[in-house]
Amino acid sequence: MSKSPITCHVLDSSRGKPAQGVAVRLEELVGNEGFKPLAQGTTDSDGRCSTLLDPSKKPAAGVYKMIFETGAYFATLNQETFYPKVEVRATPLTEEVSYQASKVALTDPTDEVLSG
């Protein structure tokens, strides 16, 4: 099965596991209009979201961002978080390759290190 040309992999380092069920939104910068929603999905049991875009269509070169709904994820675990949302921007993207927002790590607020 083919996967989206833009994917992500989210790890919950506070639990030592992939972060299943994190809502992910992909947005594209459109001229002076700002960021516009392009796709949305949810991470699977391996913490991956590889179904955001049609695999047969390459995204246009440009600036993209992924928004991870970490607050909602931690709420399902009855755990507080300092970061209710995490945004990752990628610029500039070319039409030549596929991209992965690699290893976005979620940490407990008491952890000393935040990975991204």
PDB file of N, CA and C in Angstrom:
ATOM      1  N   MET A   1       0.837  -1.184   0.000  1.00  0.00           N
ATOM      2  CA  MET A   1       0.000   0.000   0.000  1.00  0.00           C
ATOM      3  C   MET A   1       0.880   1.245   0.000  1.00  0.00           C
ATOM      4  N   SER A   2       0.570   2.197  -0.839  1.00  0.00           N
ATOM      5  CA  SER A   2       1.303   3.447  -0.896  1.00  0.00           C
ATOM      6  C   SER A   2       0.892   4.339   0.255  1.00  0.00           C
ATOM      7  N   LYS A   3       1.802   5.253   0.615  1.00  0.00           N
ATOM      8  CA  LYS A   3       1.473   6.171   1.692  1.00  0.00           C
ATOM      9  C   LYS A   3       1.556   7.606   1.206  1.00  0.00           C
ATOM     10  N   SER A   4       0.995   8.478   1.990  1.00  0.00           N
ATOM     11  CA  SER A   4       0.986   9.909   1.708  1.00  0.00           C
ATOM     12  C   SER A   4       2.415  10.420   1.513  1.00  0.00           C
ATOM     13  N   PRO A   5       2.622  11.409   0.628  1.00  0.00           N
ATOM     14  CA  PRO A   5       3.960  11.982   0.466  1.00  0.00           C
ATOM     15  C   PRO A   5       4.399  12.820   1.673  1.00  0.00           C
ATOM     16  N   ILE A   6       3.481  13.159   2.558  1.00  0.00           N
ATOM     17  CA  ILE A   6       3.808  13.833   3.818  1.00  0.00           C
ATOM     18  C   ILE A   6       3.213  13.000   4.941  1.00  0.00           C
ATOM     19  N   THR A   7       4.076  12.515   5.840  1.00  0.00           N
ATOM     20  CA  THR A   7       3.650  11.647   6.929  1.00  0.00           C
ATOM     21  C   THR A   7       4.237  12.137   8.253  1.00  0.00           C
ATOM     22  N   CYS A   8       3.850  11.486   9.351  1.00  0.00           N
ATOM     23  CA  CYS A   8       4.450  11.800  10.650  1.00  0.00           C
ATOM     24  C   CYS A   8       4.506  10.551  11.508  1.00  0.00           C
ATOM     25  N   HIS A   9       5.358  10.604  12.515  1.00  0.00           N
ATOM     26  CA  HIS A   9       5.523   9.520  13.475  1.00  0.00           C
ATOM     27  C   HIS A   9       5.635  10.172  14.842  1.00  0.00           C
ATOM     28  N   VAL A  10       4.678   9.895  15.730  1.00  0.00           N
ATOM     29  CA  VAL A  10       4.611  10.543  17.037  1.00  0.00           C
ATOM     30  C   VAL A  10       4.886   9.516  18.133  1.00  0.00           C
ATOM     31  N   LEU A  11       5.849   9.843  18.989  1.00  0.00           N
ATOM     32  CA  LEU A  11       6.211   8.962  20.097  1.00  0.00           C
ATOM     33  C   LEU A  11       5.913   9.652  21.419  1.00  0.00           C
ATOM     34  N   ASP A  12       5.364   8.909  22.356  1.00  0.00           N
ATOM     35  CA  ASP A  12       5.101   9.416  23.693  1.00  0.00           C
ATOM     36  C   ASP A  12       6.255   8.939  24.573  1.00  0.00           C
ATOM     37  N   SER A  13       7.243   9.796  24.740  1.00  0.00           N
ATOM     38  CA  SER A  13       8.429   9.383  25.492  1.00  0.00           C
ATOM     39  C   SER A  13       8.144   9.254  26.980  1.00  0.00           C
ATOM     40  N   SER A  14       7.066   9.867  27.456  1.00  0.00           N
ATOM     41  CA  SER A  14       6.721   9.731  28.873  1.00  0.00           C
ATOM     42  C   SER A  14       6.209   8.329  29.186  1.00  0.00           C
ATOM     43  N   ARG A  15       5.728   7.619  28.163  1.00  0.00           N
ATOM     44  CA  ARG A  15       5.222   6.254  28.340  1.00  0.00           C
ATOM     45  C   ARG A  15       6.101   5.226  27.634  1.00  0.00           C
ATOM     46  N   GLY A  16       7.064   5.717  26.828  1.00  0.00           N
ATOM     47  CA  GLY A  16       7.927   4.799  26.094  1.00  0.00           C
ATOM     48  C   GLY A  16       7.201   4.033  25.013  1.00  0.00           C
ATOM     49  N   LYS A  17       6.199   4.684  24.394  1.00  0.00           N
ATOM     50  CA  LYS A  17       5.373   4.017  23.383  1.00  0.00           C
ATOM     51  C   LYS A  17       5.044   4.976  22.240  1.00  0.00           C
ATOM     52  N   PRO A  18       4.614   4.414  21.104  1.00  0.00           N
ATOM     53  CA  PRO A  18       4.048   5.265  20.060  1.00  0.00           C
ATOM     54  C   PRO A  18       2.784   5.941  20.590  1.00  0.00           C
ATOM     55  N   ALA A  19       2.523   7.136  20.137  1.00  0.00           N
ATOM     56  CA  ALA A  19       1.342   7.888  20.584  1.00  0.00           C
ATOM     57  C   ALA A  19       0.171   7.619  19.640  1.00  0.00           C
ATOM     58  N   GLN A  20      -0.665   6.674  20.002  1.00  0.00           N
ATOM     59  CA  GLN A  20      -1.838   6.325  19.201  1.00  0.00           C
ATOM     60  C   GLN A  20      -2.968   7.296  19.491  1.00  0.00           C
ATOM     61  N   GLY A  21      -3.658   7.735  18.439  1.00  0.00           N
ATOM     62  CA  GLY A  21      -4.849   8.558  18.605  1.00  0.00           C
ATOM     63  C   GLY A  21      -4.605  10.059  18.652  1.00  0.00           C
ATOM     64  N   VAL A  22      -3.424  10.514  18.250  1.00  0.00           N
ATOM     65  CA  VAL A  22      -3.156  11.949  18.212  1.00  0.00           C
ATOM     66  C   VAL A  22      -3.745  12.522  16.918  1.00  0.00           C
ATOM     67  N   ALA A  23      -4.621  13.503  17.054  1.00  0.00           N
ATOM     68  CA  ALA A  23      -5.182  14.174  15.879  1.00  0.00           C
ATOM     69  C   ALA A  23      -4.093  15.044  15.249  1.00  0.00           C
ATOM     70  N   VAL A  24      -3.967  14.949  13.928  1.00  0.00           N
ATOM     71  CA  VAL A  24      -2.948  15.676  13.176  1.00  0.00           C
ATOM     72  C   VAL A  24      -3.637  16.463  12.072  1.00  0.00           C
ATOM     73  N   ARG A  25      -3.249  17.703  11.929  1.00  0.00           N
ATOM     74  CA  ARG A  25      -3.783  18.547  10.854  1.00  0.00           C
ATOM     75  C   ARG A  25      -2.619  19.033  10.012  1.00  0.00           C
ATOM     76  N   LEU A  26      -2.758  18.970   8.694  1.00  0.00           N
ATOM     77  CA  LEU A  26      -1.759  19.463   7.757  1.00  0.00           C
ATOM     78  C   LEU A  26      -2.299  20.719   7.100  1.00  0.00           C
ATOM     79  N   GLU A  27      -1.496  21.782   7.121  1.00  0.00           N
ATOM     80  CA  GLU A  27      -1.896  23.045   6.508  1.00  0.00           C
ATOM     81  C   GLU A  27      -0.819  23.518   5.551  1.00  0.00           C
ATOM     82  N   GLU A  28      -1.247  24.296   4.560  1.00  0.00           N
ATOM     83  CA  GLU A  28      -0.343  24.822   3.536  1.00  0.00           C
ATOM     84  C   GLU A  28      -0.424  26.344   3.540  1.00  0.00           C
ATOM     85  N   LEU A  29       0.735  27.002   3.430  1.00  0.00           N
ATOM     86  CA  LEU A  29       0.767  28.455   3.333  1.00  0.00           C
ATOM     87  C   LEU A  29       0.344  28.854   1.928  1.00  0.00           C
ATOM     88  N   VAL A  30      -0.702  29.681   1.847  1.00  0.00           N
ATOM     89  CA  VAL A  30      -1.250  30.096   0.551  1.00  0.00           C
ATOM     90  C   VAL A  30      -1.066  31.611   0.410  1.00  0.00           C
ATOM     91  N   GLY A  31      -0.016  32.005  -0.301  1.00  0.00           N
ATOM     92  CA  GLY A  31       0.235  33.431  -0.553  1.00  0.00           C
ATOM     93  C   GLY A  31       0.149  34.280   0.691  1.00  0.00           C
ATOM     94  N   ASN A  32      -0.550  35.406   0.570  1.00  0.00           N
ATOM     95  CA  ASN A  32      -0.737  36.320   1.697  1.00  0.00           C
ATOM     96  C   ASN A  32      -1.948  35.956   2.547  1.00  0.00           C
ATOM     97  N   GLU A  33      -2.636  34.875   2.198  1.00  0.00           N
ATOM     98  CA  GLU A  33      -3.848  34.474   2.914  1.00  0.00           C
ATOM     99  C   GLU A  33      -3.552  33.710   4.203  1.00  0.00           C
ATOM    100  N   GLY A  34      -2.315  33.300   4.401  1.00  0.00           N
ATOM    101  CA  GLY A  34      -1.956  32.530   5.586  1.00  0.00           C
ATOM    102  C   GLY A  34      -2.095  31.041   5.350  1.00  0.00           C
ATOM    103  N   PHE A  35      -2.096  30.298   6.434  1.00  0.00           N
ATOM    104  CA  PHE A  35      -2.187  28.840   6.339  1.00  0.00           C
ATOM    105  C   PHE A  35      -3.629  28.394   6.152  1.00  0.00           C
ATOM    106  N   LYS A  36      -3.816  27.463   5.245  1.00  0.00           N
ATOM    107  CA  LYS A  36      -5.133  26.900   4.944  1.00  0.00           C
ATOM    108  C   LYS A  36      -5.107  25.394   5.183  1.00  0.00           C
ATOM    109  N   PRO A  37      -6.175  24.844   5.791  1.00  0.00           N
ATOM    110  CA  PRO A  37      -6.236  23.392   6.022  1.00  0.00           C
ATOM    111  C   PRO A  37      -6.127  22.606   4.721  1.00  0.00           C
ATOM    112  N   LEU A  38      -5.349  21.532   4.770  1.00  0.00           N
ATOM    113  CA  LEU A  38      -5.145  20.700   3.593  1.00  0.00           C
ATOM    114  C   LEU A  38      -5.618  19.267   3.849  1.00  0.00           C
ATOM    115  N   ALA A  39      -5.366  18.771   5.060  1.00  0.00           N
ATOM    116  CA  ALA A  39      -5.747  17.389   5.394  1.00  0.00           C
ATOM    117  C   ALA A  39      -5.743  17.220   6.903  1.00  0.00           C
ATOM    118  N   GLN A  40      -6.379  16.142   7.345  1.00  0.00           N
ATOM    119  CA  GLN A  40      -6.342  15.800   8.766  1.00  0.00           C
ATOM    120  C   GLN A  40      -6.378  14.296   8.906  1.00  0.00           C
ATOM    121  N   GLY A  41      -5.867  13.835  10.024  1.00  0.00           N
ATOM    122  CA  GLY A  41      -5.841  12.403  10.280  1.00  0.00           C
ATOM    123  C   GLY A  41      -5.567  12.144  11.745  1.00  0.00           C
ATOM    124  N   THR A  42      -5.354  10.872  12.064  1.00  0.00           N
ATOM    125  CA  THR A  42      -5.092  10.451  13.428  1.00  0.00           C
ATOM    126  C   THR A  42      -3.983   9.403  13.396  1.00  0.00           C
ATOM    127  N   THR A  43      -3.089   9.461  14.376  1.00  0.00           N
ATOM    128  CA  THR A  43      -2.009   8.480  14.406  1.00  0.00           C
ATOM    129  C   THR A  43      -2.553   7.087  14.726  1.00  0.00           C
ATOM    130  N   ASP A  44      -1.928   6.089  14.107  1.00  0.00           N
ATOM    131  CA  ASP A  44      -2.354   4.700  14.288  1.00  0.00           C
ATOM    132  C   ASP A  44      -1.661   4.072  15.503  1.00  0.00           C
ATOM    133  N   SER A  45      -1.786   2.770  15.658  1.00  0.00           N
ATOM    134  CA  SER A  45      -1.232   2.072  16.821  1.00  0.00           C
ATOM    135  C   SER A  45       0.291   2.159  16.886  1.00  0.00           C
ATOM    136  N   ASP A  46       0.933   2.460  15.777  1.00  0.00           N
ATOM    137  CA  ASP A  46       2.388   2.636  15.742  1.00  0.00           C
ATOM    138  C   ASP A  46       2.777   4.111  15.850  1.00  0.00           C
ATOM    139  N   GLY A  47       1.793   4.994  16.088  1.00  0.00           N
ATOM    140  CA  GLY A  47       2.064   6.418  16.212  1.00  0.00           C
ATOM    141  C   GLY A  47       2.268   7.116  14.882  1.00  0.00           C
ATOM    142  N   ARG A  48       1.915   6.451  13.802  1.00  0.00           N
ATOM    143  CA  ARG A  48       2.138   7.024  12.461  1.00  0.00           C
ATOM    144  C   ARG A  48       0.823   7.492  11.838  1.00  0.00           C
ATOM    145  N   CYS A  49       0.935   8.531  11.051  1.00  0.00           N
ATOM    146  CA  CYS A  49      -0.182   8.984  10.227  1.00  0.00           C
ATOM    147  C   CYS A  49       0.360   9.077   8.809  1.00  0.00           C
ATOM    148  N   SER A  50       0.035   8.086   8.010  1.00  0.00           N
ATOM    149  CA  SER A  50       0.578   8.015   6.655  1.00  0.00           C
ATOM    150  C   SER A  50      -0.507   8.085   5.591  1.00  0.00           C
ATOM    151  N   THR A  51      -1.680   8.634   5.971  1.00  0.00           N
ATOM    152  CA  THR A  51      -2.806   8.689   5.039  1.00  0.00           C
ATOM    153  C   THR A  51      -3.305  10.117   4.821  1.00  0.00           C
ATOM    154  N   LEU A  52      -2.469  11.112   5.103  1.00  0.00           N
ATOM    155  CA  LEU A  52      -2.924  12.498   5.006  1.00  0.00           C
ATOM    156  C   LEU A  52      -3.270  12.918   3.580  1.00  0.00           C
ATOM    157  N   LEU A  53      -2.424  12.573   2.637  1.00  0.00           N
ATOM    158  CA  LEU A  53      -2.630  12.992   1.248  1.00  0.00           C
ATOM    159  C   LEU A  53      -2.707  11.790   0.323  1.00  0.00           C
ATOM    160  N   ASP A  54      -3.335  11.972  -0.814  1.00  0.00           N
ATOM    161  CA  ASP A  54      -3.420  10.937  -1.840  1.00  0.00           C
ATOM    162  C   ASP A  54      -2.001  10.586  -2.285  1.00  0.00           C
ATOM    163  N   PRO A  55      -1.595   9.318  -2.169  1.00  0.00           N
ATOM    164  CA  PRO A  55      -0.236   8.920  -2.531  1.00  0.00           C
ATOM    165  C   PRO A  55       0.128   9.180  -3.991  1.00  0.00           C
ATOM    166  N   SER A  56      -0.849   9.237  -4.863  1.00  0.00           N
ATOM    167  CA  SER A  56      -0.558   9.425  -6.287  1.00  0.00           C
ATOM    168  C   SER A  56      -0.338  10.887  -6.663  1.00  0.00           C
ATOM    169  N   LYS A  57      -0.615  11.794  -5.745  1.00  0.00           N
ATOM    170  CA  LYS A  57      -0.466  13.215  -6.035  1.00  0.00           C
ATOM    171  C   LYS A  57       0.624  13.821  -5.174  1.00  0.00           C
ATOM    172  N   LYS A  58       1.606  14.442  -5.825  1.00  0.00           N
ATOM    173  CA  LYS A  58       2.680  15.108  -5.102  1.00  0.00           C
ATOM    174  C   LYS A  58       2.222  16.496  -4.680  1.00  0.00           C
ATOM    175  N   PRO A  59       2.509  16.903  -3.444  1.00  0.00           N
ATOM    176  CA  PRO A  59       2.147  18.259  -3.024  1.00  0.00           C
ATOM    177  C   PRO A  59       3.003  19.283  -3.747  1.00  0.00           C
ATOM    178  N   ALA A  60       2.448  20.451  -3.949  1.00  0.00           N
ATOM    179  CA  ALA A  60       3.183  21.532  -4.594  1.00  0.00           C
ATOM    180  C   ALA A  60       4.313  21.982  -3.681  1.00  0.00           C
ATOM    181  N   ALA A  61       5.390  22.496  -4.267  1.00  0.00           N
ATOM    182  CA  ALA A  61       6.474  23.063  -3.472  1.00  0.00           C
ATOM    183  C   ALA A  61       5.907  24.219  -2.664  1.00  0.00           C
ATOM    184  N   GLY A  62       6.331  24.353  -1.418  1.00  0.00           N
ATOM    185  CA  GLY A  62       5.818  25.429  -0.595  1.00  0.00           C
ATOM    186  C   GLY A  62       6.094  25.204   0.872  1.00  0.00           C
ATOM    187  N   VAL A  63       5.393  25.946   1.702  1.00  0.00           N
ATOM    188  CA  VAL A  63       5.554  25.883   3.152  1.00  0.00           C
ATOM    189  C   VAL A  63       4.337  25.157   3.735  1.00  0.00           C
ATOM    190  N   TYR A  64       4.608  24.166   4.564  1.00  0.00           N
ATOM    191  CA  TYR A  64       3.560  23.373   5.192  1.00  0.00           C
ATOM    192  C   TYR A  64       3.772  23.351   6.703  1.00  0.00           C
ATOM    193  N   LYS A  65       2.707  23.081   7.440  1.00  0.00           N
ATOM    194  CA  LYS A  65       2.868  22.831   8.868  1.00  0.00           C
ATOM    195  C   LYS A  65       1.904  21.734   9.298  1.00  0.00           C
ATOM    196  N   MET A  66       2.350  20.992  10.304  1.00  0.00           N
ATOM    197  CA  MET A  66       1.518  19.977  10.934  1.00  0.00           C
ATOM    198  C   MET A  66       1.197  20.473  12.332  1.00  0.00           C
ATOM    199  N   ILE A  67      -0.050  20.279  12.727  1.00  0.00           N
ATOM    200  CA  ILE A  67      -0.492  20.656  14.057  1.00  0.00           C
ATOM    201  C   ILE A  67      -0.936  19.381  14.761  1.00  0.00           C
ATOM    202  N   PHE A  68      -0.304  19.109  15.899  1.00  0.00           N
ATOM    203  CA  PHE A  68      -0.588  17.910  16.681  1.00  0.00           C
ATOM    204  C   PHE A  68      -1.405  18.312  17.901  1.00  0.00           C
ATOM    205  N   GLU A  69      -2.552  17.691  18.089  1.00  0.00           N
ATOM    206  CA  GLU A  69      -3.455  17.999  19.202  1.00  0.00           C
ATOM    207  C   GLU A  69      -3.031  17.201  20.433  1.00  0.00           C
ATOM    208  N   THR A  70      -1.930  17.628  21.029  1.00  0.00           N
ATOM    209  CA  THR A  70      -1.357  16.906  22.159  1.00  0.00           C
ATOM    210  C   THR A  70      -2.194  17.032  23.427  1.00  0.00           C
ATOM    211  N   GLY A  71      -2.877  18.152  23.609  1.00  0.00           N
ATOM    212  CA  GLY A  71      -3.714  18.329  24.791  1.00  0.00           C
ATOM    213  C   GLY A  71      -4.822  17.293  24.844  1.00  0.00           C
ATOM    214  N   ALA A  72      -5.482  17.077  23.732  1.00  0.00           N
ATOM    215  CA  ALA A  72      -6.557  16.085  23.671  1.00  0.00           C
ATOM    216  C   ALA A  72      -6.004  14.670  23.893  1.00  0.00           C
ATOM    217  N   TYR A  73      -4.827  14.401  23.333  1.00  0.00           N
ATOM    218  CA  TYR A  73      -4.195  13.088  23.524  1.00  0.00           C
ATOM    219  C   TYR A  73      -3.932  12.825  25.007  1.00  0.00           C
ATOM    220  N   PHE A  74      -3.274  13.774  25.670  1.00  0.00           N
ATOM    221  CA  PHE A  74      -2.962  13.574  27.087  1.00  0.00           C
ATOM    222  C   PHE A  74      -4.215  13.557  27.952  1.00  0.00           C
ATOM    223  N   ALA A  75      -5.253  14.277  27.546  1.00  0.00           N
ATOM    224  CA  ALA A  75      -6.519  14.261  28.302  1.00  0.00           C
ATOM    225  C   ALA A  75      -7.105  12.846  28.340  1.00  0.00           C
ATOM    226  N   THR A  76      -6.963  12.094  27.241  1.00  0.00           N
ATOM    227  CA  THR A  76      -7.472  10.719  27.226  1.00  0.00           C
ATOM    228  C   THR A  76      -6.706   9.831  28.193  1.00  0.00           C
ATOM    229  N   LEU A  77      -5.501  10.256  28.572  1.00  0.00           N
ATOM    230  CA  LEU A  77      -4.674   9.503  29.523  1.00  0.00           C
ATOM    231  C   LEU A  77      -4.794  10.064  30.942  1.00  0.00           C
ATOM    232  N   ASN A  78      -5.702  11.042  31.103  1.00  0.00           N
ATOM    233  CA  ASN A  78      -5.858  11.729  32.390  1.00  0.00           C
ATOM    234  C   ASN A  78      -4.540  12.314  32.875  1.00  0.00           C
ATOM    235  N   GLN A  79      -3.823  12.922  31.930  1.00  0.00           N
ATOM    236  CA  GLN A  79      -2.515  13.496  32.232  1.00  0.00           C
ATOM    237  C   GLN A  79      -2.483  14.943  31.753  1.00  0.00           C
ATOM    238  N   GLU A  80      -1.962  15.828  32.580  1.00  0.00           N
ATOM    239  CA  GLU A  80      -1.840  17.228  32.189  1.00  0.00           C
ATOM    240  C   GLU A  80      -0.666  17.381  31.230  1.00  0.00           C
ATOM    241  N   THR A  81      -0.720  18.450  30.429  1.00  0.00           N
ATOM    242  CA  THR A  81       0.395  18.740  29.540  1.00  0.00           C
ATOM    243  C   THR A  81       0.621  20.239  29.482  1.00  0.00           C
ATOM    244  N   PHE A  82       1.847  20.615  29.293  1.00  0.00           N
ATOM    245  CA  PHE A  82       2.214  22.024  29.173  1.00  0.00           C
ATOM    246  C   PHE A  82       1.941  22.536  27.760  1.00  0.00           C
ATOM    247  N   TYR A  83       1.947  21.631  26.776  1.00  0.00           N
ATOM    248  CA  TYR A  83       1.762  21.991  25.369  1.00  0.00           C
ATOM    249  C   TYR A  83       0.465  21.384  24.831  1.00  0.00           C
ATOM    250  N   PRO A  84      -0.624  22.154  24.765  1.00  0.00           N
ATOM    251  CA  PRO A  84      -1.884  21.595  24.263  1.00  0.00           C
ATOM    252  C   PRO A  84      -1.873  21.329  22.752  1.00  0.00           C
ATOM    253  N   LYS A  85      -1.006  22.028  22.044  1.00  0.00           N
ATOM    254  CA  LYS A  85      -0.831  21.819  20.601  1.00  0.00           C
ATOM    255  C   LYS A  85       0.644  21.976  20.287  1.00  0.00           C
ATOM    256  N   VAL A  86       1.102  21.215  19.301  1.00  0.00           N
ATOM    257  CA  VAL A  86       2.469  21.339  18.829  1.00  0.00           C
ATOM    258  C   VAL A  86       2.415  21.561  17.327  1.00  0.00           C
ATOM    259  N   GLU A  87       3.103  22.606  16.857  1.00  0.00           N
ATOM    260  CA  GLU A  87       3.169  22.889  15.426  1.00  0.00           C
ATOM    261  C   GLU A  87       4.583  22.646  14.920  1.00  0.00           C
ATOM    262  N   VAL A  88       4.656  21.972  13.784  1.00  0.00           N
ATOM    263  CA  VAL A  88       5.932  21.733  13.125  1.00  0.00           C
ATOM    264  C   VAL A  88       5.827  22.287  11.715  1.00  0.00           C
ATOM    265  N   ARG A  89       6.724  23.247  11.383  1.00  0.00           N
ATOM    266  CA  ARG A  89       6.724  23.833  10.037  1.00  0.00           C
ATOM    267  C   ARG A  89       7.858  23.268   9.208  1.00  0.00           C
ATOM    268  N   ALA A  90       7.596  23.087   7.935  1.00  0.00           N
ATOM    269  CA  ALA A  90       8.609  22.624   6.996  1.00  0.00           C
ATOM    270  C   ALA A  90       8.654  23.604   5.826  1.00  0.00           C
ATOM    271  N   THR A  91       9.842  24.098   5.529  1.00  0.00           N
ATOM    272  CA  THR A  91       9.986  25.057   4.441  1.00  0.00           C
ATOM    273  C   THR A  91      11.385  25.000   3.871  1.00  0.00           C
ATOM    274  N   PRO A  92      11.589  25.176   2.599  1.00  0.00           N
ATOM    275  CA  PRO A  92      10.575  24.963   1.577  1.00  0.00           C
ATOM    276  C   PRO A  92      10.547  23.492   1.176  1.00  0.00           C
ATOM    277  N   LEU A  93       9.401  23.007   0.797  1.00  0.00           N
ATOM    278  CA  LEU A  93       9.304  21.653   0.283  1.00  0.00           C
ATOM    279  C   LEU A  93       9.401  21.699  -1.240  1.00  0.00           C
ATOM    280  N   THR A  94      10.043  20.714  -1.815  1.00  0.00           N
ATOM    281  CA  THR A  94      10.085  20.600  -3.267  1.00  0.00           C
ATOM    282  C   THR A  94       9.198  19.443  -3.677  1.00  0.00           C
ATOM    283  N   GLU A  95       8.904  19.341  -4.932  1.00  0.00           N
ATOM    284  CA  GLU A  95       8.032  18.275  -5.427  1.00  0.00           C
ATOM    285  C   GLU A  95       8.795  16.982  -5.678  1.00  0.00           C
ATOM    286  N   GLU A  96      10.089  16.953  -5.398  1.00  0.00           N
ATOM    287  CA  GLU A  96      10.930  15.820  -5.766  1.00  0.00           C
ATOM    288  C   GLU A  96      10.914  14.651  -4.781  1.00  0.00           C
ATOM    289  N   VAL A  97      10.604  14.894  -3.515  1.00  0.00           N
ATOM    290  CA  VAL A  97      10.724  13.831  -2.519  1.00  0.00           C
ATOM    291  C   VAL A  97       9.513  13.788  -1.598  1.00  0.00           C
ATOM    292  N   SER A  98       9.446  12.730  -0.792  1.00  0.00           N
ATOM    293  CA  SER A  98       8.412  12.615   0.244  1.00  0.00           C
ATOM    294  C   SER A  98       9.007  13.066   1.564  1.00  0.00           C
ATOM    295  N   TYR A  99       8.149  13.492   2.501  1.00  0.00           N
ATOM    296  CA  TYR A  99       8.621  14.027   3.768  1.00  0.00           C
ATOM    297  C   TYR A  99       7.914  13.374   4.936  1.00  0.00           C
ATOM    298  N   GLN A 100       8.651  13.240   6.043  1.00  0.00           N
ATOM    299  CA  GLN A 100       8.072  12.750   7.289  1.00  0.00           C
ATOM    300  C   GLN A 100       8.459  13.718   8.397  1.00  0.00           C
ATOM    301  N   ALA A 101       7.455  14.178   9.146  1.00  0.00           N
ATOM    302  CA  ALA A 101       7.734  14.936  10.358  1.00  0.00           C
ATOM    303  C   ALA A 101       8.215  13.885  11.337  1.00  0.00           C
ATOM    304  N   SER A 102       9.515  13.709  11.395  1.00  0.00           N
ATOM    305  CA  SER A 102      10.113  12.538  12.013  1.00  0.00           C
ATOM    306  C   SER A 102      10.176  12.612  13.530  1.00  0.00           C
ATOM    307  N   LYS A 103       9.696  11.576  14.140  1.00  0.00           N
ATOM    308  CA  LYS A 103       9.853  11.346  15.566  1.00  0.00           C
ATOM    309  C   LYS A 103       9.493  12.554  16.419  1.00  0.00           C
ATOM    310  N   VAL A 104       8.275  12.998  16.317  1.00  0.00           N
ATOM    311  CA  VAL A 104       7.784  14.045  17.200  1.00  0.00           C
ATOM    312  C   VAL A 104       7.556  13.376  18.548  1.00  0.00           C
ATOM    313  N   ALA A 105       8.354  13.754  19.549  1.00  0.00           N
ATOM    314  CA  ALA A 105       8.294  13.089  20.847  1.00  0.00           C
ATOM    315  C   ALA A 105       7.497  13.914  21.844  1.00  0.00           C
ATOM    316  N   LEU A 106       6.531  13.295  22.479  1.00  0.00           N
ATOM    317  CA  LEU A 106       5.733  13.945  23.507  1.00  0.00           C
ATOM    318  C   LEU A 106       6.323  13.568  24.857  1.00  0.00           C
ATOM    319  N   THR A 107       6.474  14.547  25.735  1.00  0.00           N
ATOM    320  CA  THR A 107       7.080  14.255  27.020  1.00  0.00           C
ATOM    321  C   THR A 107       6.181  14.705  28.157  1.00  0.00           C
ATOM    322  N   ASP A 108       6.411  14.142  29.295  1.00  0.00           N
ATOM    323  CA  ASP A 108       5.730  14.523  30.525  1.00  0.00           C
ATOM    324  C   ASP A 108       6.202  15.928  30.907  1.00  0.00           C
ATOM    325  N   PRO A 109       5.305  16.777  31.448  1.00  0.00           N
ATOM    326  CA  PRO A 109       5.719  18.132  31.806  1.00  0.00           C
ATOM    327  C   PRO A 109       6.855  18.172  32.822  1.00  0.00           C
ATOM    328  N   THR A 110       7.073  17.096  33.560  1.00  0.00           N
ATOM    329  CA  THR A 110       8.155  17.092  34.540  1.00  0.00           C
ATOM    330  C   THR A 110       9.482  16.664  33.928  1.00  0.00           C
ATOM    331  N   ASP A 111       9.465  16.189  32.672  1.00  0.00           N
ATOM    332  CA  ASP A 111      10.710  15.823  32.008  1.00  0.00           C
ATOM    333  C   ASP A 111      11.526  17.082  31.746  1.00  0.00           C
ATOM    334  N   GLU A 112      12.847  16.931  31.734  1.00  0.00           N
ATOM    335  CA  GLU A 112      13.715  18.077  31.538  1.00  0.00           C
ATOM    336  C   GLU A 112      13.974  18.369  30.071  1.00  0.00           C
ATOM    337  N   VAL A 113      13.756  17.421  29.191  1.00  0.00           N
ATOM    338  CA  VAL A 113      14.091  17.597  27.782  1.00  0.00           C
ATOM    339  C   VAL A 113      12.825  17.501  26.929  1.00  0.00           C
ATOM    340  N   LEU A 114      12.669  18.406  25.979  1.00  0.00           N
ATOM    341  CA  LEU A 114      11.576  18.339  25.011  1.00  0.00           C
ATOM    342  C   LEU A 114      12.184  18.055  23.652  1.00  0.00           C
ATOM    343  N   SER A 115      11.773  16.963  23.034  1.00  0.00           N
ATOM    344  CA  SER A 115      12.280  16.605  21.723  1.00  0.00           C
ATOM    345  C   SER A 115      11.318  17.080  20.659  1.00  0.00           C
ATOM    346  N   GLY A 116      11.820  17.316  19.468  1.00  0.00           N
ATOM    347  CA  GLY A 116      10.943  17.722  18.377  1.00  0.00           C
ATOM    348  C   GLY A 116      11.462  17.290  17.059  1.00  0.00           C
TER     349      GLY A 116
END
